[in-house]
């Protein structure tokens, strides 16, 4: 059986609308023959190239253009996994969710433990911005998400009013578990303020 036929058969068994890195087909032949087979399937429309080295089996949805392709979030996660990176929501999005900012990101954006770069997609761009791994590692905690938001705002814009609003949304005890030794001085000061219980 040819590499093209192996790749084609595997594609037929895969879910539609999910991002598929080239590594999905590495057991079908040599790297060169796999790339050629995937390229042929992309030209025929059985696969769609959604980013460099990432494809998808389109999922037709009546009257909705491009609705059957993976989301930027899903594509970013696949690319991060390939590169052994960790992703976190971008601080601009978290700051808006926490009521600290009204800024809207104009494209899909994430923090990454990898390098800062932009990834062109079939439709749009993913922006990846480097952030310290010790901040990204805490993204699933209330304090961690708050720290990512403050990291985005930066020392110039982390005012007393911003800290007051943040204290209304995240309890002080959440910040008591943060290891401040790894934080820059301005962020250590912010955590010290946030972890101090308010009177009354």
N, C-alpha and C. Protein backbone atom coordinates (compact mmCIF):
# COMPACT_ATOMS: atom_id res chain seq x y z
N UNK A 1 0.85 -1.19 0.00
CA UNK A 1 0.00 0.00 0.00
C UNK A 1 0.88 1.25 0.00
N UNK A 2 0.57 2.22 -0.82
CA UNK A 2 1.36 3.43 -0.92
C UNK A 2 1.16 4.32 0.30
N UNK A 3 2.13 5.24 0.51
CA UNK A 3 2.00 6.20 1.61
C UNK A 3 0.74 7.03 1.45
N UNK A 4 0.46 7.44 0.21
CA UNK A 4 -0.75 8.25 -0.03
C UNK A 4 -2.00 7.50 0.41
N UNK A 5 -2.07 6.21 0.10
CA UNK A 5 -3.26 5.44 0.47
C UNK A 5 -3.35 5.27 1.98
N UNK A 6 -2.20 5.07 2.64
CA UNK A 6 -2.20 4.95 4.10
C UNK A 6 -2.68 6.24 4.75
N UNK A 7 -2.15 7.36 4.27
CA UNK A 7 -2.57 8.66 4.83
C UNK A 7 -4.05 8.88 4.57
N UNK A 8 -4.50 8.60 3.36
CA UNK A 8 -5.91 8.78 3.00
C UNK A 8 -6.81 7.94 3.90
N UNK A 9 -6.43 6.70 4.11
CA UNK A 9 -7.24 5.81 4.95
C UNK A 9 -7.30 6.32 6.39
N UNK A 10 -6.17 6.84 6.88
CA UNK A 10 -6.15 7.35 8.25
C UNK A 10 -7.01 8.60 8.37
N UNK A 11 -6.94 9.47 7.37
CA UNK A 11 -7.75 10.69 7.37
C UNK A 11 -9.23 10.35 7.50
N UNK A 12 -9.66 9.30 6.82
CA UNK A 12 -11.08 8.93 6.86
C UNK A 12 -11.54 8.50 8.24
N UNK A 13 -10.60 8.11 9.09
CA UNK A 13 -10.96 7.66 10.44
C UNK A 13 -10.85 8.77 11.48
N UNK A 14 -10.33 9.91 11.07
CA UNK A 14 -10.10 11.01 12.01
C UNK A 14 -11.32 11.93 12.10
N UNK A 15 -11.53 12.58 13.25
CA UNK A 15 -12.68 13.48 13.40
C UNK A 15 -12.54 14.72 12.53
N UNK A 16 -13.64 15.25 12.10
CA UNK A 16 -13.65 16.47 11.32
C UNK A 16 -13.55 17.70 12.24
N UNK A 17 -12.94 18.75 11.72
CA UNK A 17 -12.88 20.00 12.45
C UNK A 17 -11.85 20.05 13.56
N UNK A 18 -10.95 19.07 13.64
CA UNK A 18 -9.92 19.05 14.67
C UNK A 18 -8.55 19.29 14.03
N UNK A 19 -7.66 20.03 14.69
CA UNK A 19 -6.33 20.27 14.13
C UNK A 19 -5.50 19.00 14.13
N UNK A 20 -4.80 18.75 13.02
CA UNK A 20 -4.02 17.53 12.85
C UNK A 20 -2.58 17.91 12.49
N UNK A 21 -1.65 17.77 13.41
CA UNK A 21 -0.25 18.03 13.05
C UNK A 21 0.26 16.94 12.12
N UNK A 22 1.30 17.25 11.36
CA UNK A 22 1.87 16.25 10.44
C UNK A 22 2.28 14.98 11.17
N UNK A 23 2.66 15.11 12.44
CA UNK A 23 3.07 13.94 13.21
C UNK A 23 1.96 12.89 13.32
N UNK A 24 0.72 13.31 13.08
CA UNK A 24 -0.41 12.36 13.10
C UNK A 24 -0.18 11.23 12.11
N UNK A 25 0.55 11.52 11.04
CA UNK A 25 0.70 10.56 9.94
C UNK A 25 2.11 9.99 9.84
N UNK A 26 2.90 10.16 10.89
CA UNK A 26 4.31 9.75 10.80
C UNK A 26 4.47 8.24 10.65
N UNK A 27 3.45 7.46 11.02
CA UNK A 27 3.53 6.00 10.88
C UNK A 27 3.10 5.51 9.50
N UNK A 28 2.81 6.46 8.60
CA UNK A 28 2.32 6.08 7.28
C UNK A 28 3.42 6.01 6.22
N UNK A 29 4.62 6.48 6.54
CA UNK A 29 5.70 6.47 5.56
C UNK A 29 6.84 7.37 5.98
N UNK A 30 7.74 7.66 5.07
CA UNK A 30 8.86 8.55 5.37
C UNK A 30 8.35 9.99 5.50
N UNK A 31 9.10 10.85 6.20
CA UNK A 31 8.66 12.24 6.33
C UNK A 31 8.36 12.91 4.99
N UNK A 32 9.21 12.66 4.00
CA UNK A 32 9.00 13.29 2.69
C UNK A 32 7.74 12.77 2.01
N UNK A 33 7.55 11.45 2.03
CA UNK A 33 6.38 10.89 1.37
C UNK A 33 5.09 11.28 2.08
N UNK A 34 5.16 11.42 3.41
CA UNK A 34 3.98 11.85 4.17
C UNK A 34 3.61 13.29 3.81
N UNK A 35 4.61 14.17 3.76
CA UNK A 35 4.34 15.56 3.39
C UNK A 35 3.72 15.65 1.99
N UNK A 36 4.24 14.86 1.08
CA UNK A 36 3.70 14.86 -0.28
C UNK A 36 2.26 14.36 -0.30
N UNK A 37 1.98 13.31 0.47
CA UNK A 37 0.61 12.75 0.50
C UNK A 37 -0.36 13.75 1.12
N UNK A 38 0.05 14.38 2.20
CA UNK A 38 -0.82 15.36 2.87
C UNK A 38 -1.06 16.55 1.94
N UNK A 39 -0.02 16.97 1.23
CA UNK A 39 -0.16 18.09 0.29
C UNK A 39 -1.17 17.75 -0.81
N UNK A 40 -1.13 16.54 -1.31
CA UNK A 40 -2.09 16.11 -2.34
C UNK A 40 -3.51 16.12 -1.80
N UNK A 41 -3.67 15.67 -0.56
CA UNK A 41 -5.01 15.65 0.03
C UNK A 41 -5.50 17.08 0.29
N UNK A 42 -4.59 17.97 0.59
CA UNK A 42 -4.97 19.38 0.78
C UNK A 42 -5.41 19.99 -0.54
N UNK A 43 -4.73 19.65 -1.62
CA UNK A 43 -5.10 20.18 -2.93
C UNK A 43 -6.46 19.64 -3.38
N UNK A 44 -6.76 18.41 -2.97
CA UNK A 44 -8.05 17.81 -3.37
C UNK A 44 -9.20 18.28 -2.48
N UNK A 45 -8.89 18.93 -1.35
CA UNK A 45 -9.93 19.43 -0.46
C UNK A 45 -10.27 18.49 0.68
N UNK A 46 -9.64 17.31 0.71
CA UNK A 46 -9.94 16.38 1.82
C UNK A 46 -9.33 16.87 3.12
N UNK A 47 -8.24 17.61 3.03
CA UNK A 47 -7.63 18.27 4.18
C UNK A 47 -7.51 19.76 3.87
N UNK A 48 -7.43 20.55 4.93
CA UNK A 48 -7.21 22.00 4.80
C UNK A 48 -6.00 22.36 5.65
N UNK A 49 -5.07 23.10 5.07
CA UNK A 49 -3.91 23.57 5.82
C UNK A 49 -4.33 24.79 6.62
N UNK A 50 -4.34 24.67 7.95
CA UNK A 50 -4.80 25.77 8.80
C UNK A 50 -3.64 26.57 9.40
N UNK A 51 -2.46 25.99 9.43
CA UNK A 51 -1.24 26.66 9.90
C UNK A 51 -0.07 25.85 9.39
N UNK A 52 1.12 26.38 9.53
CA UNK A 52 2.29 25.65 9.06
C UNK A 52 2.42 24.32 9.80
N UNK A 53 2.36 23.23 9.06
CA UNK A 53 2.49 21.91 9.64
C UNK A 53 1.25 21.40 10.36
N UNK A 54 0.14 22.11 10.23
CA UNK A 54 -1.11 21.71 10.89
C UNK A 54 -2.24 21.71 9.87
N UNK A 55 -2.99 20.63 9.84
CA UNK A 55 -4.08 20.48 8.88
C UNK A 55 -5.36 20.14 9.62
N UNK A 56 -6.45 20.09 8.88
CA UNK A 56 -7.73 19.71 9.47
C UNK A 56 -8.58 19.06 8.39
N UNK A 57 -9.40 18.16 8.83
CA UNK A 57 -10.41 17.57 7.95
C UNK A 57 -11.65 18.44 8.06
N UNK A 58 -12.00 19.17 7.00
CA UNK A 58 -13.10 20.15 7.11
C UNK A 58 -14.42 19.49 7.49
N UNK A 59 -15.19 20.26 8.24
CA UNK A 59 -16.50 19.80 8.69
C UNK A 59 -17.55 20.73 8.10
N UNK A 60 -18.17 20.33 7.01
CA UNK A 60 -19.14 21.22 6.35
C UNK A 60 -20.29 21.62 7.26
N UNK A 61 -20.56 22.91 7.29
CA UNK A 61 -21.71 23.43 8.04
C UNK A 61 -22.47 24.35 7.10
N UNK A 62 -23.70 24.03 6.78
CA UNK A 62 -24.47 24.83 5.81
C UNK A 62 -24.55 26.30 6.20
N UNK A 63 -24.30 27.15 5.21
CA UNK A 63 -24.48 28.60 5.31
C UNK A 63 -23.48 29.30 6.22
N UNK A 64 -22.52 28.56 6.80
CA UNK A 64 -21.54 29.17 7.68
C UNK A 64 -20.14 28.97 7.11
N UNK A 65 -19.57 30.03 6.56
CA UNK A 65 -18.25 29.95 5.96
C UNK A 65 -17.18 29.66 7.02
N UNK A 66 -16.32 28.68 6.72
CA UNK A 66 -15.19 28.30 7.57
C UNK A 66 -15.60 27.74 8.93
N UNK A 67 -16.90 27.48 9.14
CA UNK A 67 -17.34 27.01 10.45
C UNK A 67 -16.79 25.63 10.78
N UNK A 68 -16.37 24.86 9.75
CA UNK A 68 -15.91 23.51 9.99
C UNK A 68 -14.43 23.40 10.28
N UNK A 69 -13.72 24.52 10.45
CA UNK A 69 -12.29 24.48 10.72
C UNK A 69 -12.01 24.68 12.21
N UNK A 70 -10.86 24.22 12.69
CA UNK A 70 -10.55 24.35 14.12
C UNK A 70 -10.45 25.82 14.55
N UNK A 71 -10.71 26.04 15.81
CA UNK A 71 -10.56 27.38 16.35
C UNK A 71 -9.08 27.72 16.50
N UNK A 72 -8.79 29.01 16.60
CA UNK A 72 -7.41 29.44 16.82
C UNK A 72 -6.86 28.86 18.13
N UNK A 73 -7.72 28.77 19.15
CA UNK A 73 -7.29 28.20 20.43
C UNK A 73 -6.82 26.76 20.25
N UNK A 74 -7.59 25.97 19.51
CA UNK A 74 -7.24 24.56 19.31
C UNK A 74 -5.94 24.43 18.52
N UNK A 75 -5.77 25.28 17.51
CA UNK A 75 -4.56 25.25 16.70
C UNK A 75 -3.35 25.64 17.54
N UNK A 76 -3.49 26.67 18.37
CA UNK A 76 -2.39 27.12 19.22
C UNK A 76 -1.95 26.01 20.17
N UNK A 77 -2.90 25.28 20.73
CA UNK A 77 -2.56 24.20 21.67
C UNK A 77 -1.79 23.09 20.98
N UNK A 78 -2.17 22.77 19.74
CA UNK A 78 -1.45 21.74 18.99
C UNK A 78 -0.02 22.18 18.70
N UNK A 79 0.14 23.42 18.28
CA UNK A 79 1.47 23.94 17.97
C UNK A 79 2.34 23.99 19.23
N UNK A 80 1.75 24.39 20.34
CA UNK A 80 2.49 24.45 21.60
C UNK A 80 2.94 23.05 22.02
N UNK A 81 2.08 22.08 21.86
CA UNK A 81 2.43 20.69 22.22
C UNK A 81 3.59 20.19 21.36
N UNK A 82 3.55 20.52 20.06
CA UNK A 82 4.64 20.11 19.17
C UNK A 82 5.97 20.69 19.61
N UNK A 83 5.93 21.93 20.12
CA UNK A 83 7.16 22.63 20.49
C UNK A 83 7.50 22.52 21.97
N UNK A 84 6.73 21.68 22.70
CA UNK A 84 6.96 21.47 24.13
C UNK A 84 6.88 22.78 24.91
N UNK A 85 5.88 23.57 24.57
CA UNK A 85 5.63 24.84 25.26
C UNK A 85 4.36 24.72 26.10
N UNK A 86 4.25 25.59 27.08
CA UNK A 86 3.01 25.75 27.84
C UNK A 86 2.37 27.07 27.44
N UNK A 87 1.05 27.05 27.32
CA UNK A 87 0.30 28.27 27.00
C UNK A 87 -0.54 28.69 28.19
N UNK A 88 -0.87 29.97 28.20
CA UNK A 88 -1.81 30.52 29.18
C UNK A 88 -2.61 31.61 28.50
N UNK A 89 -3.80 31.90 28.99
CA UNK A 89 -4.55 33.04 28.43
C UNK A 89 -3.72 34.31 28.50
N UNK A 90 -3.87 35.16 27.51
CA UNK A 90 -3.10 36.40 27.52
C UNK A 90 -3.59 37.32 28.63
N UNK A 91 -2.66 38.07 29.21
CA UNK A 91 -3.00 38.96 30.31
C UNK A 91 -4.01 40.02 29.96
N UNK A 92 -4.05 40.43 28.68
CA UNK A 92 -5.04 41.43 28.27
C UNK A 92 -6.45 40.88 28.42
N UNK A 93 -6.64 39.61 28.05
CA UNK A 93 -7.96 38.99 28.19
C UNK A 93 -8.32 38.81 29.66
N UNK A 94 -7.34 38.39 30.47
CA UNK A 94 -7.60 38.19 31.89
C UNK A 94 -7.88 39.51 32.60
N UNK A 95 -7.15 40.56 32.22
CA UNK A 95 -7.40 41.87 32.83
C UNK A 95 -8.82 42.35 32.54
N UNK A 96 -9.27 42.10 31.32
CA UNK A 96 -10.64 42.49 30.97
C UNK A 96 -11.66 41.66 31.76
N UNK A 97 -11.41 40.36 31.88
CA UNK A 97 -12.33 39.49 32.64
C UNK A 97 -12.41 39.89 34.10
N UNK A 98 -11.30 40.39 34.64
CA UNK A 98 -11.26 40.78 36.05
C UNK A 98 -11.72 42.22 36.27
N UNK A 99 -12.11 42.89 35.19
CA UNK A 99 -12.58 44.26 35.32
C UNK A 99 -11.48 45.28 35.53
N UNK A 100 -10.25 44.95 35.14
CA UNK A 100 -9.12 45.86 35.33
C UNK A 100 -8.82 46.67 34.08
N UNK A 101 -9.41 46.29 32.97
CA UNK A 101 -9.13 46.95 31.71
C UNK A 101 -10.30 46.72 30.76
N UNK A 102 -10.44 47.59 29.80
CA UNK A 102 -11.46 47.41 28.75
C UNK A 102 -10.80 47.09 27.41
N UNK A 103 -9.49 46.88 27.41
CA UNK A 103 -8.76 46.62 26.18
C UNK A 103 -9.18 45.29 25.56
N UNK A 104 -9.43 45.31 24.25
CA UNK A 104 -9.79 44.11 23.51
C UNK A 104 -8.62 43.71 22.62
N UNK A 105 -8.25 42.43 22.66
CA UNK A 105 -7.21 41.96 21.74
C UNK A 105 -7.83 41.79 20.36
N UNK A 106 -7.11 42.25 19.33
CA UNK A 106 -7.62 42.22 17.97
C UNK A 106 -7.35 40.91 17.27
N UNK A 107 -6.65 40.00 17.92
CA UNK A 107 -6.35 38.70 17.35
C UNK A 107 -6.24 37.70 18.49
N UNK A 108 -6.24 36.43 18.17
CA UNK A 108 -6.05 35.42 19.20
C UNK A 108 -4.66 35.56 19.78
N UNK A 109 -4.57 35.65 21.10
CA UNK A 109 -3.28 35.88 21.75
C UNK A 109 -3.16 35.02 22.99
N UNK A 110 -1.93 34.56 23.25
CA UNK A 110 -1.65 33.72 24.40
C UNK A 110 -0.28 34.09 24.96
N UNK A 111 -0.11 33.80 26.25
CA UNK A 111 1.22 33.79 26.82
C UNK A 111 1.82 32.40 26.57
N UNK A 112 3.14 32.34 26.41
CA UNK A 112 3.82 31.08 26.16
C UNK A 112 5.14 31.03 26.91
N UNK A 113 5.56 29.82 27.25
CA UNK A 113 6.90 29.65 27.80
C UNK A 113 7.95 29.67 26.70
N UNK A 114 7.51 29.65 25.44
CA UNK A 114 8.42 29.71 24.30
C UNK A 114 8.72 31.15 23.90
N UNK A 115 9.13 31.32 22.68
CA UNK A 115 9.52 32.65 22.20
C UNK A 115 8.31 33.47 21.76
N UNK A 116 8.46 34.78 21.79
CA UNK A 116 7.43 35.68 21.29
C UNK A 116 7.43 35.64 19.76
N UNK A 117 6.25 35.42 19.17
CA UNK A 117 6.17 35.33 17.71
C UNK A 117 4.72 35.39 17.28
N UNK A 118 4.52 35.55 15.98
CA UNK A 118 3.18 35.51 15.40
C UNK A 118 3.10 34.33 14.45
N UNK A 119 1.99 33.59 14.54
CA UNK A 119 1.79 32.42 13.70
C UNK A 119 0.68 32.71 12.70
N UNK A 120 1.01 32.76 11.42
CA UNK A 120 -0.04 32.99 10.42
C UNK A 120 -0.93 31.76 10.28
N UNK A 121 -2.22 32.00 10.22
CA UNK A 121 -3.20 30.94 10.03
C UNK A 121 -3.83 31.08 8.66
N UNK A 122 -4.65 30.11 8.31
CA UNK A 122 -5.40 30.22 7.06
C UNK A 122 -6.27 31.46 7.08
N UNK A 123 -6.86 31.73 8.23
CA UNK A 123 -7.68 32.93 8.41
C UNK A 123 -7.26 33.61 9.71
N UNK A 124 -6.40 34.61 9.62
CA UNK A 124 -6.00 35.35 10.81
C UNK A 124 -4.59 35.02 11.28
N UNK A 125 -4.33 35.39 12.54
CA UNK A 125 -3.00 35.23 13.12
C UNK A 125 -3.14 34.89 14.60
N UNK A 126 -2.23 34.09 15.10
CA UNK A 126 -2.12 33.84 16.53
C UNK A 126 -0.88 34.56 17.04
N UNK A 127 -1.04 35.37 18.08
CA UNK A 127 0.10 36.05 18.69
C UNK A 127 0.50 35.31 19.96
N UNK A 128 1.77 34.93 20.03
CA UNK A 128 2.31 34.28 21.22
C UNK A 128 3.33 35.22 21.85
N UNK A 129 3.15 35.50 23.13
CA UNK A 129 4.06 36.40 23.84
C UNK A 129 4.70 35.66 25.01
N UNK A 130 6.01 35.73 25.09
CA UNK A 130 6.71 35.02 26.16
C UNK A 130 6.33 35.60 27.52
N UNK A 131 6.15 34.70 28.48
CA UNK A 131 5.92 35.08 29.87
C UNK A 131 6.68 34.09 30.74
N UNK A 132 7.08 34.48 31.94
CA UNK A 132 7.84 33.58 32.82
C UNK A 132 7.07 32.30 33.11
N UNK A 133 7.78 31.19 33.12
CA UNK A 133 7.13 29.89 33.34
C UNK A 133 6.48 29.81 34.72
N UNK A 134 7.05 30.51 35.73
CA UNK A 134 6.46 30.43 37.07
C UNK A 134 5.10 31.14 37.13
N UNK A 135 4.85 32.08 36.22
CA UNK A 135 3.52 32.70 36.16
C UNK A 135 2.55 31.81 35.39
N UNK A 136 3.01 31.27 34.29
CA UNK A 136 2.14 30.41 33.47
C UNK A 136 1.74 29.16 34.24
N UNK A 137 2.64 28.65 35.08
CA UNK A 137 2.35 27.43 35.84
C UNK A 137 1.19 27.61 36.81
N UNK A 138 0.89 28.86 37.20
CA UNK A 138 -0.17 29.12 38.18
C UNK A 138 -1.46 29.60 37.54
N UNK A 139 -1.58 29.43 36.24
CA UNK A 139 -2.71 30.00 35.51
C UNK A 139 -4.07 29.45 35.93
N UNK A 140 -4.09 28.28 36.54
CA UNK A 140 -5.38 27.67 36.90
C UNK A 140 -5.86 28.06 38.30
N UNK A 141 -5.12 28.95 38.95
CA UNK A 141 -5.54 29.43 40.27
C UNK A 141 -6.00 30.87 40.15
N UNK A 142 -6.89 31.32 41.02
CA UNK A 142 -7.35 32.72 40.96
C UNK A 142 -6.19 33.71 41.06
N UNK A 143 -5.26 33.45 41.97
CA UNK A 143 -4.12 34.36 42.12
C UNK A 143 -3.24 34.32 40.88
N UNK A 144 -3.05 33.14 40.30
CA UNK A 144 -2.22 33.03 39.11
C UNK A 144 -2.78 33.81 37.94
N UNK A 145 -4.09 33.75 37.75
CA UNK A 145 -4.71 34.50 36.66
C UNK A 145 -4.62 36.01 36.93
N UNK A 146 -4.73 36.38 38.19
CA UNK A 146 -4.58 37.80 38.55
C UNK A 146 -3.16 38.27 38.26
N UNK A 147 -2.16 37.44 38.56
CA UNK A 147 -0.77 37.82 38.31
C UNK A 147 -0.49 37.96 36.82
N UNK A 148 -1.08 37.10 36.00
CA UNK A 148 -0.91 37.22 34.56
C UNK A 148 -1.53 38.52 34.05
N UNK A 149 -2.66 38.90 34.64
CA UNK A 149 -3.29 40.17 34.26
C UNK A 149 -2.40 41.35 34.65
N UNK A 150 -1.85 41.30 35.85
CA UNK A 150 -0.97 42.38 36.30
C UNK A 150 0.31 42.42 35.46
N UNK A 151 0.81 41.25 35.09
CA UNK A 151 2.00 41.19 34.25
C UNK A 151 1.77 41.92 32.93
N UNK A 152 0.56 41.78 32.40
CA UNK A 152 0.22 42.49 31.16
C UNK A 152 0.16 44.00 31.39
N UNK A 153 -0.46 44.42 32.47
CA UNK A 153 -0.62 45.86 32.73
C UNK A 153 0.73 46.53 32.97
N UNK A 154 1.61 45.84 33.70
CA UNK A 154 2.94 46.39 33.96
C UNK A 154 2.94 47.38 35.11
N UNK A 155 4.12 47.70 35.65
CA UNK A 155 4.22 48.54 36.86
C UNK A 155 3.62 49.92 36.70
N UNK A 156 3.66 50.47 35.49
CA UNK A 156 3.15 51.83 35.29
C UNK A 156 1.64 51.91 35.49
N UNK A 157 0.94 50.83 35.16
CA UNK A 157 -0.53 50.88 35.19
C UNK A 157 -1.13 50.07 36.34
N UNK A 158 -0.30 49.44 37.16
CA UNK A 158 -0.82 48.75 38.34
C UNK A 158 -0.90 49.76 39.47
N UNK A 159 -1.99 50.49 39.48
CA UNK A 159 -2.20 51.58 40.45
C UNK A 159 -2.93 51.07 41.68
N UNK A 160 -3.06 51.93 42.66
CA UNK A 160 -3.82 51.56 43.87
C UNK A 160 -5.27 51.24 43.51
N UNK A 161 -5.82 51.96 42.54
CA UNK A 161 -7.19 51.70 42.14
C UNK A 161 -7.32 50.32 41.49
N UNK A 162 -6.34 49.93 40.67
CA UNK A 162 -6.35 48.60 40.06
C UNK A 162 -6.29 47.53 41.14
N UNK A 163 -5.42 47.70 42.11
CA UNK A 163 -5.30 46.72 43.19
C UNK A 163 -6.58 46.65 44.02
N UNK A 164 -7.21 47.80 44.23
CA UNK A 164 -8.48 47.81 44.98
C UNK A 164 -9.53 47.00 44.25
N UNK A 165 -9.64 47.20 42.93
CA UNK A 165 -10.64 46.46 42.16
C UNK A 165 -10.33 44.96 42.14
N UNK A 166 -9.05 44.64 42.10
CA UNK A 166 -8.67 43.22 42.08
C UNK A 166 -8.99 42.55 43.41
N UNK A 167 -8.82 43.29 44.50
CA UNK A 167 -9.12 42.74 45.83
C UNK A 167 -10.61 42.44 45.97
N UNK A 168 -11.44 43.14 45.21
CA UNK A 168 -12.88 42.90 45.26
C UNK A 168 -13.25 41.60 44.54
N UNK A 169 -12.33 41.08 43.72
CA UNK A 169 -12.65 39.91 42.90
C UNK A 169 -11.89 38.65 43.30
N UNK A 170 -10.73 38.84 43.93
CA UNK A 170 -9.92 37.68 44.34
C UNK A 170 -9.63 37.82 45.83
N UNK A 171 -9.95 36.80 46.63
CA UNK A 171 -9.75 36.91 48.09
C UNK A 171 -8.27 37.02 48.45
N UNK A 172 -8.00 37.73 49.53
CA UNK A 172 -6.62 37.98 49.94
C UNK A 172 -5.87 36.69 50.24
N UNK A 173 -6.57 35.68 50.79
CA UNK A 173 -5.88 34.44 51.14
C UNK A 173 -5.33 33.71 49.92
N UNK A 174 -5.89 33.98 48.74
CA UNK A 174 -5.39 33.35 47.52
C UNK A 174 -3.96 33.80 47.23
N UNK A 175 -3.63 35.04 47.57
CA UNK A 175 -2.29 35.57 47.30
C UNK A 175 -1.28 35.16 48.37
N UNK A 176 -1.79 34.70 49.51
CA UNK A 176 -0.88 34.27 50.57
C UNK A 176 -0.09 33.03 50.21
N UNK A 177 -0.53 32.30 49.18
CA UNK A 177 0.17 31.08 48.77
C UNK A 177 1.13 31.32 47.60
N UNK A 178 1.28 32.57 47.19
CA UNK A 178 2.18 32.90 46.08
C UNK A 178 3.62 33.01 46.59
N UNK A 179 4.54 32.38 45.87
CA UNK A 179 5.96 32.48 46.21
C UNK A 179 6.50 33.79 45.62
N UNK A 180 6.62 34.80 46.45
CA UNK A 180 6.97 36.14 45.96
C UNK A 180 8.45 36.25 45.58
N UNK A 181 9.27 35.32 46.01
CA UNK A 181 10.71 35.44 45.76
C UNK A 181 11.05 35.43 44.26
N UNK A 182 10.21 34.81 43.45
CA UNK A 182 10.50 34.72 42.02
C UNK A 182 9.93 35.90 41.22
N UNK A 183 9.22 36.78 41.90
CA UNK A 183 8.55 37.89 41.22
C UNK A 183 9.46 39.11 41.16
N UNK A 184 9.29 39.94 40.13
CA UNK A 184 10.00 41.22 40.12
C UNK A 184 9.51 42.10 41.26
N UNK A 185 10.31 43.09 41.63
CA UNK A 185 10.03 43.89 42.82
C UNK A 185 8.64 44.51 42.79
N UNK A 186 8.27 45.09 41.65
CA UNK A 186 6.97 45.78 41.59
C UNK A 186 5.81 44.81 41.78
N UNK A 187 5.98 43.57 41.28
CA UNK A 187 4.91 42.58 41.41
C UNK A 187 4.89 42.00 42.82
N UNK A 188 6.05 41.90 43.46
CA UNK A 188 6.09 41.47 44.86
C UNK A 188 5.33 42.46 45.73
N UNK A 189 5.53 43.75 45.45
CA UNK A 189 4.82 44.78 46.22
C UNK A 189 3.31 44.64 46.03
N UNK A 190 2.88 44.40 44.77
CA UNK A 190 1.45 44.26 44.50
C UNK A 190 0.86 43.08 45.26
N UNK A 191 1.59 41.96 45.28
CA UNK A 191 1.10 40.77 45.99
C UNK A 191 1.03 41.04 47.49
N UNK A 192 2.01 41.76 48.01
CA UNK A 192 1.99 42.10 49.44
C UNK A 192 0.74 42.89 49.79
N UNK A 193 0.38 43.83 48.94
CA UNK A 193 -0.85 44.61 49.16
C UNK A 193 -2.08 43.71 49.06
N UNK A 194 -2.09 42.84 48.04
CA UNK A 194 -3.27 42.00 47.78
C UNK A 194 -3.48 40.93 48.85
N UNK A 195 -2.39 40.46 49.47
CA UNK A 195 -2.55 39.38 50.45
C UNK A 195 -2.87 39.89 51.85
N UNK A 196 -2.80 41.22 52.02
CA UNK A 196 -3.11 41.81 53.32
C UNK A 196 -4.63 41.96 53.46
N UNK A 197 -5.24 41.31 54.46
CA UNK A 197 -6.70 41.41 54.62
C UNK A 197 -7.16 42.84 54.82
N UNK A 198 -8.29 43.16 54.26
CA UNK A 198 -8.85 44.50 54.44
C UNK A 198 -9.53 44.59 55.81
N UNK A 199 -9.59 45.77 56.33
CA UNK A 199 -10.26 45.97 57.63
C UNK A 199 -11.75 45.76 57.46
N UNK A 200 -12.33 45.08 58.43
CA UNK A 200 -13.78 44.88 58.41
C UNK A 200 -14.17 43.83 57.46
